[in-house]
PDB file of N, CA and C in Angstrom:
ATOM      1  N   UNK A   1       0.709  -1.307   0.165  1.00  0.00           N
ATOM      2  CA  UNK A   1       0.000  -0.023   0.150  1.00  0.00           C
ATOM      3  C   UNK A   1       0.779   1.245   0.361  1.00  0.00           C
ATOM      4  N   UNK A   2       1.789   1.168   0.848  1.00  0.00           N
ATOM      5  CA  UNK A   2       2.861   2.588   0.859  1.00  0.00           C
ATOM      6  C   UNK A   2       3.406   2.569  -0.620  1.00  0.00           C
ATOM      7  N   UNK A   3       4.111   1.594  -0.805  1.00  0.00           N
ATOM      8  CA  UNK A   3       4.505   1.839  -2.288  1.00  0.00           C
ATOM      9  C   UNK A   3       3.649   2.408  -3.479  1.00  0.00           C
ATOM     10  N   UNK A   4       2.397   1.767  -3.101  1.00  0.00           N
ATOM     11  CA  UNK A   4       1.429   2.537  -4.133  1.00  0.00           C
ATOM     12  C   UNK A   4       1.091   4.076  -4.183  1.00  0.00           C
ATOM     13  N   UNK A   5       1.155   4.640  -2.599  1.00  0.00           N
ATOM     14  CA  UNK A   5       0.891   5.767  -2.470  1.00  0.00           C
ATOM     15  C   UNK A   5       1.964   6.785  -2.584  1.00  0.00           C
ATOM     16  N   UNK A   6       3.320   6.124  -2.619  1.00  0.00           N
ATOM     17  CA  UNK A   6       4.261   7.028  -3.183  1.00  0.00           C
ATOM     18  C   UNK A   6       4.299   7.611  -4.491  1.00  0.00           C
ATOM     19  N   UNK A   7       3.694   6.473  -5.265  1.00  0.00           N
ATOM     20  CA  UNK A   7       3.762   7.405  -6.720  1.00  0.00           C
ATOM     21  C   UNK A   7       2.954   8.373  -7.006  1.00  0.00           C
ATOM     22  N   UNK A   8       2.002   8.623  -6.160  1.00  0.00           N
ATOM     23  CA  UNK A   8       0.926   9.823  -6.241  1.00  0.00           C
ATOM     24  C   UNK A   8       0.548  11.171  -5.343  1.00  0.00           C
ATOM     25  N   UNK A   9       2.030  11.138  -4.530  1.00  0.00           N
ATOM     26  CA  UNK A   9       1.836  12.541  -3.609  1.00  0.00           C
ATOM     27  C   UNK A   9       2.391  13.397  -4.500  1.00  0.00           C
ATOM     28  N   UNK A  10       1.670  14.741  -4.051  1.00  0.00           N
ATOM     29  CA  UNK A  10       2.277  15.884  -4.429  1.00  0.00           C
ATOM     30  C   UNK A  10       2.663  17.034  -3.328  1.00  0.00           C
ATOM     31  N   UNK A  11       2.066  16.944  -2.292  1.00  0.00           N
ATOM     32  CA  UNK A  11       2.026  18.072  -1.172  1.00  0.00           C
ATOM     33  C   UNK A  11       1.981  17.426   0.122  1.00  0.00           C
ATOM     34  N   UNK A  12       2.855  18.117   1.207  1.00  0.00           N
ATOM     35  CA  UNK A  12       2.571  17.551   2.296  1.00  0.00           C
ATOM     36  C   UNK A  12       2.453  18.756   3.192  1.00  0.00           C
ATOM     37  N   UNK A  13       1.890  18.495   4.464  1.00  0.00           N
ATOM     38  CA  UNK A  13       1.521  19.329   5.652  1.00  0.00           C
ATOM     39  C   UNK A  13       1.575  18.806   7.054  1.00  0.00           C
ATOM     40  N   UNK A  14       1.665  19.697   7.857  1.00  0.00           N
ATOM     41  CA  UNK A  14       1.424  19.151   9.262  1.00  0.00           C
ATOM     42  C   UNK A  14       0.300  19.725   9.926  1.00  0.00           C
ATOM     43  N   UNK A  15      -0.400  19.128  11.065  1.00  0.00           N
ATOM     44  CA  UNK A  15      -1.571  19.428  11.430  1.00  0.00           C
ATOM     45  C   UNK A  15      -1.485  19.383  12.735  1.00  0.00           C
ATOM     46  N   UNK A  16      -1.067  20.286  13.741  1.00  0.00           N
ATOM     47  CA  UNK A  16      -0.617  20.210  15.113  1.00  0.00           C
ATOM     48  C   UNK A  16      -1.372  20.834  15.887  1.00  0.00           C
ATOM     49  N   UNK A  17      -2.876  20.312  16.148  1.00  0.00           N
ATOM     50  CA  UNK A  17      -4.055  21.186  16.809  1.00  0.00           C
ATOM     51  C   UNK A  17      -4.017  20.919  18.288  1.00  0.00           C
ATOM     52  N   UNK A  18      -4.018  21.262  19.380  1.00  0.00           N
ATOM     53  CA  UNK A  18      -4.038  20.883  20.684  1.00  0.00           C
ATOM     54  C   UNK A  18      -5.420  20.138  20.966  1.00  0.00           C
ATOM     55  N   UNK A  19      -6.317  20.439  20.137  1.00  0.00           N
ATOM     56  CA  UNK A  19      -7.655  19.912  20.664  1.00  0.00           C
ATOM     57  C   UNK A  19      -7.857  18.505  19.678  1.00  0.00           C
ATOM     58  N   UNK A  20      -6.613  17.763  19.011  1.00  0.00           N
ATOM     59  CA  UNK A  20      -7.103  16.589  18.150  1.00  0.00           C
ATOM     60  C   UNK A  20      -5.673  16.079  18.293  1.00  0.00           C
ATOM     61  N   UNK A  21      -5.521  14.897  17.651  1.00  0.00           N
ATOM     62  CA  UNK A  21      -4.425  14.053  17.614  1.00  0.00           C
ATOM     63  C   UNK A  21      -3.135  15.043  16.492  1.00  0.00           C
ATOM     64  N   UNK A  22      -2.038  14.800  17.028  1.00  0.00           N
ATOM     65  CA  UNK A  22      -1.080  15.141  15.976  1.00  0.00           C
ATOM     66  C   UNK A  22      -1.095  14.599  14.544  1.00  0.00           C
ATOM     67  N   UNK A  23      -1.231  15.215  13.517  1.00  0.00           N
ATOM     68  CA  UNK A  23      -1.283  14.358  12.464  1.00  0.00           C
ATOM     69  C   UNK A  23      -0.251  15.190  11.046  1.00  0.00           C
ATOM     70  N   UNK A  24       0.286  14.265  10.125  1.00  0.00           N
ATOM     71  CA  UNK A  24       0.987  15.031   8.954  1.00  0.00           C
ATOM     72  C   UNK A  24       0.204  14.021   7.651  1.00  0.00           C
ATOM     73  N   UNK A  25       0.243  15.119   6.950  1.00  0.00           N
ATOM     74  CA  UNK A  25      -0.644  14.834   5.625  1.00  0.00           C
ATOM     75  C   UNK A  25       0.115  15.106   4.337  1.00  0.00           C
ATOM     76  N   UNK A  26      -0.399  13.995   3.431  1.00  0.00           N
ATOM     77  CA  UNK A  26      -0.043  14.385   1.998  1.00  0.00           C
ATOM     78  C   UNK A  26      -1.180  14.481   1.228  1.00  0.00           C
ATOM     79  N   UNK A  27      -1.290  15.311   0.214  1.00  0.00           N
ATOM     80  CA  UNK A  27      -2.653  15.557  -0.557  1.00  0.00           C
ATOM     81  C   UNK A  27      -2.030  15.107  -2.126  1.00  0.00           C
ATOM     82  N   UNK A  28      -2.916  14.332  -2.587  1.00  0.00           N
ATOM     83  CA  UNK A  28      -2.310  13.548  -3.886  1.00  0.00           C
ATOM     84  C   UNK A  28      -3.857  13.660  -4.744  1.00  0.00           C
ATOM     85  N   UNK A  29      -3.885  14.623  -5.949  1.00  0.00           N
ATOM     86  CA  UNK A  29      -5.007  14.699  -6.849  1.00  0.00           C
ATOM     87  C   UNK A  29      -6.491  14.315  -5.961  1.00  0.00           C
ATOM     88  N   UNK A  30      -6.434  15.441  -5.281  1.00  0.00           N
ATOM     89  CA  UNK A  30      -7.511  15.792  -4.315  1.00  0.00           C
ATOM     90  C   UNK A  30      -7.960  14.417  -3.054  1.00  0.00           C
ATOM     91  N   UNK A  31      -6.863  13.586  -2.866  1.00  0.00           N
ATOM     92  CA  UNK A  31      -6.994  12.402  -1.909  1.00  0.00           C
ATOM     93  C   UNK A  31      -5.948  12.737  -0.717  1.00  0.00           C
ATOM     94  N   UNK A  32      -6.345  12.940   0.392  1.00  0.00           N
ATOM     95  CA  UNK A  32      -5.441  13.170   1.338  1.00  0.00           C
ATOM     96  C   UNK A  32      -4.859  11.867   1.949  1.00  0.00           C
ATOM     97  N   UNK A  33      -3.616  11.817   2.050  1.00  0.00           N
ATOM     98  CA  UNK A  33      -2.960  10.612   2.943  1.00  0.00           C
ATOM     99  C   UNK A  33      -2.421  11.116   4.444  1.00  0.00           C
ATOM    100  N   UNK A  34      -3.030  10.582   5.311  1.00  0.00           N
ATOM    101  CA  UNK A  34      -2.516  11.079   6.788  1.00  0.00           C
ATOM    102  C   UNK A  34      -2.112  10.070   7.713  1.00  0.00           C
ATOM    103  N   UNK A  35      -1.202  10.436   8.299  1.00  0.00           N
ATOM    104  CA  UNK A  35      -0.420   9.576   9.735  1.00  0.00           C
ATOM    105  C   UNK A  35      -0.763  10.345  11.083  1.00  0.00           C
ATOM    106  N   UNK A  36      -1.502   9.814  11.761  1.00  0.00           N
ATOM    107  CA  UNK A  36      -1.897  10.402  13.296  1.00  0.00           C
ATOM    108  C   UNK A  36      -1.127   9.644  14.268  1.00  0.00           C
ATOM    109  N   UNK A  37      -0.537  10.186  15.404  1.00  0.00           N
ATOM    110  CA  UNK A  37       0.174   9.607  16.446  1.00  0.00           C
ATOM    111  C   UNK A  37      -1.086   9.433  17.186  1.00  0.00           C
ATOM    112  N   UNK A  38      -0.828   8.131  17.679  1.00  0.00           N
ATOM    113  CA  UNK A  38      -1.933   7.570  18.753  1.00  0.00           C
ATOM    114  C   UNK A  38      -1.789   7.857  20.255  1.00  0.00           C
ATOM    115  N   UNK A  39      -0.788   8.283  20.501  1.00  0.00           N
ATOM    116  CA  UNK A  39      -0.088   8.669  21.690  1.00  0.00           C
ATOM    117  C   UNK A  39       0.648   7.332  22.381  1.00  0.00           C
ATOM    118  N   UNK A  40       0.456   5.955  21.870  1.00  0.00           N
ATOM    119  CA  UNK A  40       0.896   4.923  22.404  1.00  0.00           C
ATOM    120  C   UNK A  40       1.915   4.165  21.704  1.00  0.00           C
ATOM    121  N   UNK A  41       2.857   4.855  20.793  1.00  0.00           N
ATOM    122  CA  UNK A  41       3.952   4.309  20.079  1.00  0.00           C
ATOM    123  C   UNK A  41       3.244   3.371  18.922  1.00  0.00           C
ATOM    124  N   UNK A  42       1.813   3.942  18.472  1.00  0.00           N
ATOM    125  CA  UNK A  42       1.606   3.562  17.469  1.00  0.00           C
ATOM    126  C   UNK A  42       0.857   4.767  16.597  1.00  0.00           C
ATOM    127  N   UNK A  43       0.581   4.488  15.214  1.00  0.00           N
ATOM    128  CA  UNK A  43      -0.013   5.598  14.287  1.00  0.00           C
ATOM    129  C   UNK A  43      -0.980   4.742  13.447  1.00  0.00           C
ATOM    130  N   UNK A  44      -1.938   6.056  13.398  1.00  0.00           N
ATOM    131  CA  UNK A  44      -2.868   5.314  12.174  1.00  0.00           C
ATOM    132  C   UNK A  44      -2.804   6.144  10.819  1.00  0.00           C
ATOM    133  N   UNK A  45      -2.432   5.122   9.888  1.00  0.00           N
ATOM    134  CA  UNK A  45      -1.742   5.704   8.328  1.00  0.00           C
ATOM    135  C   UNK A  45      -3.454   5.759   7.545  1.00  0.00           C
ATOM    136  N   UNK A  46      -3.775   6.551   7.081  1.00  0.00           N
ATOM    137  CA  UNK A  46      -5.152   6.612   6.468  1.00  0.00           C
ATOM    138  C   UNK A  46      -4.765   7.163   4.975  1.00  0.00           C
ATOM    139  N   UNK A  47      -5.231   6.214   3.880  1.00  0.00           N
ATOM    140  CA  UNK A  47      -5.387   6.591   2.795  1.00  0.00           C
ATOM    141  C   UNK A  47      -6.468   5.877   1.761  1.00  0.00           C
ATOM    142  N   UNK A  48      -7.259   6.646   0.656  1.00  0.00           N
ATOM    143  CA  UNK A  48      -8.145   5.995  -0.183  1.00  0.00           C
ATOM    144  C   UNK A  48      -9.245   5.515   0.696  1.00  0.00           C
ATOM    145  N   UNK A  49      -9.561   6.146   1.961  1.00  0.00           N
ATOM    146  CA  UNK A  49     -10.708   5.566   2.801  1.00  0.00           C
ATOM    147  C   UNK A  49     -10.262   4.410   3.390  1.00  0.00           C
ATOM    148  N   UNK A  50      -9.056   4.031   3.702  1.00  0.00           N
ATOM    149  CA  UNK A  50      -8.741   2.626   4.187  1.00  0.00           C
ATOM    150  C   UNK A  50      -7.763   3.139   5.381  1.00  0.00           C
ATOM    151  N   UNK A  51      -8.171   2.501   6.479  1.00  0.00           N
ATOM    152  CA  UNK A  51      -6.879   3.246   7.653  1.00  0.00           C
ATOM    153  C   UNK A  51      -6.254   1.646   8.310  1.00  0.00           C
ATOM    154  N   UNK A  52      -5.163   1.847   8.581  1.00  0.00           N
ATOM    155  CA  UNK A  52      -4.317   0.507   9.384  1.00  0.00           C
ATOM    156  C   UNK A  52      -3.692   1.395  10.610  1.00  0.00           C
ATOM    157  N   UNK A  53      -3.291   0.480  11.356  1.00  0.00           N
ATOM    158  CA  UNK A  53      -2.245   1.107  12.624  1.00  0.00           C
ATOM    159  C   UNK A  53      -0.925   0.274  12.249  1.00  0.00           C
ATOM    160  N   UNK A  54      -0.210   1.469  12.244  1.00  0.00           N
ATOM    161  CA  UNK A  54       1.655   0.816  12.218  1.00  0.00           C
ATOM    162  C   UNK A  54       2.052   1.379  13.527  1.00  0.00           C
ATOM    163  N   UNK A  55       3.154   0.434  13.759  1.00  0.00           N
ATOM    164  CA  UNK A  55       4.052   0.649  15.097  1.00  0.00           C
ATOM    165  C   UNK A  55       5.094   1.807  14.521  1.00  0.00           C
ATOM    166  N   UNK A  56       5.841   2.076  15.675  1.00  0.00           N
ATOM    167  CA  UNK A  56       6.677   3.041  15.621  1.00  0.00           C
ATOM    168  C   UNK A  56       7.964   2.125  14.908  1.00  0.00           C
ATOM    169  N   UNK A  57       8.035   0.774  14.972  1.00  0.00           N
ATOM    170  CA  UNK A  57       9.237   0.021  14.549  1.00  0.00           C
ATOM    171  C   UNK A  57       8.880   0.139  13.006  1.00  0.00           C
ATOM    172  N   UNK A  58       7.436   0.148  12.606  1.00  0.00           N
ATOM    173  CA  UNK A  58       7.587   0.020  11.308  1.00  0.00           C
ATOM    174  C   UNK A  58       7.447   1.261  10.463  1.00  0.00           C
ATOM    175  N   UNK A  59       7.714   2.387  11.186  1.00  0.00           N
ATOM    176  CA  UNK A  59       8.219   3.665  10.494  1.00  0.00           C
ATOM    177  C   UNK A  59       9.440   3.363  10.007  1.00  0.00           C
ATOM    178  N   UNK A  60      10.505   2.559  10.475  1.00  0.00           N
ATOM    179  CA  UNK A  60      11.876   2.446   9.940  1.00  0.00           C
ATOM    180  C   UNK A  60      12.587   3.685  10.814  1.00  0.00           C
ATOM    181  N   UNK A  61      12.056   3.708  11.921  1.00  0.00           N
ATOM    182  CA  UNK A  61      13.081   4.804  12.929  1.00  0.00           C
ATOM    183  C   UNK A  61      12.990   6.074  12.731  1.00  0.00           C
ATOM    184  N   UNK A  62      12.036   6.439  11.700  1.00  0.00           N
ATOM    185  CA  UNK A  62      11.803   7.771  11.286  1.00  0.00           C
ATOM    186  C   UNK A  62      10.616   8.432  12.351  1.00  0.00           C
ATOM    187  N   UNK A  63      10.723   9.600  12.606  1.00  0.00           N
ATOM    188  CA  UNK A  63       9.392  10.252  13.289  1.00  0.00           C
ATOM    189  C   UNK A  63       8.383  10.001  11.820  1.00  0.00           C
ATOM    190  N   UNK A  64       7.092  10.100  12.368  1.00  0.00           N
ATOM    191  CA  UNK A  64       5.868  10.233  11.765  1.00  0.00           C
ATOM    192  C   UNK A  64       6.033  11.395  10.558  1.00  0.00           C
ATOM    193  N   UNK A  65       6.585  12.654  10.962  1.00  0.00           N
ATOM    194  CA  UNK A  65       6.656  13.526   9.646  1.00  0.00           C
ATOM    195  C   UNK A  65       7.622  13.431   8.983  1.00  0.00           C
ATOM    196  N   UNK A  66       8.605  12.847   9.125  1.00  0.00           N
ATOM    197  CA  UNK A  66       9.852  12.508   8.216  1.00  0.00           C
ATOM    198  C   UNK A  66       9.301  11.358   7.335  1.00  0.00           C
ATOM    199  N   UNK A  67       8.344  10.440   7.973  1.00  0.00           N
ATOM    200  CA  UNK A  67       8.262   9.389   7.523  1.00  0.00           C
ATOM    201  C   UNK A  67       7.151   9.474   5.886  1.00  0.00           C
ATOM    202  N   UNK A  68       6.045  10.250   6.679  1.00  0.00           N
ATOM    203  CA  UNK A  68       5.177  10.919   5.469  1.00  0.00           C
ATOM    204  C   UNK A  68       5.792  12.065   4.375  1.00  0.00           C
ATOM    205  N   UNK A  69       7.053  12.830   5.124  1.00  0.00           N
ATOM    206  CA  UNK A  69       7.601  13.273   4.029  1.00  0.00           C
ATOM    207  C   UNK A  69       8.433  12.655   3.057  1.00  0.00           C
ATOM    208  N   UNK A  70       8.945  11.729   3.514  1.00  0.00           N
ATOM    209  CA  UNK A  70       9.853  10.767   2.416  1.00  0.00           C
ATOM    210  C   UNK A  70       8.664  10.454   1.436  1.00  0.00           C
ATOM    211  N   UNK A  71       7.743   9.699   1.765  1.00  0.00           N
ATOM    212  CA  UNK A  71       6.565   9.551   0.885  1.00  0.00           C
ATOM    213  C   UNK A  71       6.245  10.513  -0.073  1.00  0.00           C
ATOM    214  N   UNK A  72       6.427  11.595   0.368  1.00  0.00           N
ATOM    215  CA  UNK A  72       6.118  12.637  -0.336  1.00  0.00           C
ATOM    216  C   UNK A  72       6.835  13.038  -1.461  1.00  0.00           C
ATOM    217  N   UNK A  73       8.102  13.141  -0.630  1.00  0.00           N
ATOM    218  CA  UNK A  73       9.211  13.225  -1.642  1.00  0.00           C
ATOM    219  C   UNK A  73       9.209  12.206  -2.948  1.00  0.00           C
ATOM    220  N   UNK A  74       9.234  10.986  -2.390  1.00  0.00           N
ATOM    221  CA  UNK A  74       9.124   9.994  -3.429  1.00  0.00           C
ATOM    222  C   UNK A  74       8.108  10.175  -4.427  1.00  0.00           C
ATOM    223  N   UNK A  75       6.720  10.536  -4.120  1.00  0.00           N
ATOM    224  CA  UNK A  75       5.663  10.763  -5.205  1.00  0.00           C
ATOM    225  C   UNK A  75       6.025  12.078  -6.124  1.00  0.00           C
ATOM    226  N   UNK A  76       6.920  12.874  -5.818  1.00  0.00           N
ATOM    227  CA  UNK A  76       7.253  14.302  -6.380  1.00  0.00           C
ATOM    228  C   UNK A  76       8.279  13.714  -7.668  1.00  0.00           C
ATOM    229  N   UNK A  77       8.971  12.715  -7.121  1.00  0.00           N
ATOM    230  CA  UNK A  77      10.078  12.191  -8.401  1.00  0.00           C
ATOM    231  C   UNK A  77       9.359  11.516  -9.249  1.00  0.00           C
ATOM    232  N   UNK A  78       8.274  10.697  -8.964  1.00  0.00           N
ATOM    233  CA  UNK A  78       7.513   9.670  -9.811  1.00  0.00           C
ATOM    234  C   UNK A  78       6.683  10.044 -11.109  1.00  0.00           C
ATOM    235  N   UNK A  79       6.849   9.708 -12.212  1.00  0.00           N
ATOM    236  CA  UNK A  79       6.248   9.926 -13.618  1.00  0.00           C
ATOM    237  C   UNK A  79       5.092  10.237 -13.369  1.00  0.00           C
TER     238      UNK A  79
END
C-alpha cells in the first residue's frame, strides 16, 4: 500500500492542533493521505478511505513527519 501511495503524492503538511491528534498529511490529486500519532507508539495511516495501524518500528526509525515527508518526496519524483 505504501509503495502505491508513493507514486501519487504531490504535497505535504502538518496539522498539530491541541484539540486533536498530531497528524501529518500528503494530498494527492484531491486525495488526502494522513498519519496520526495515537499517543502509544502506534500511528493510524489513512489513505483512499482505508486506515491501518502501524507501529513505531514499522516507520523504520523515522518520526511520523519524516516518514510521510519521505513518501511525499518519492511521489514528487514519480512520473
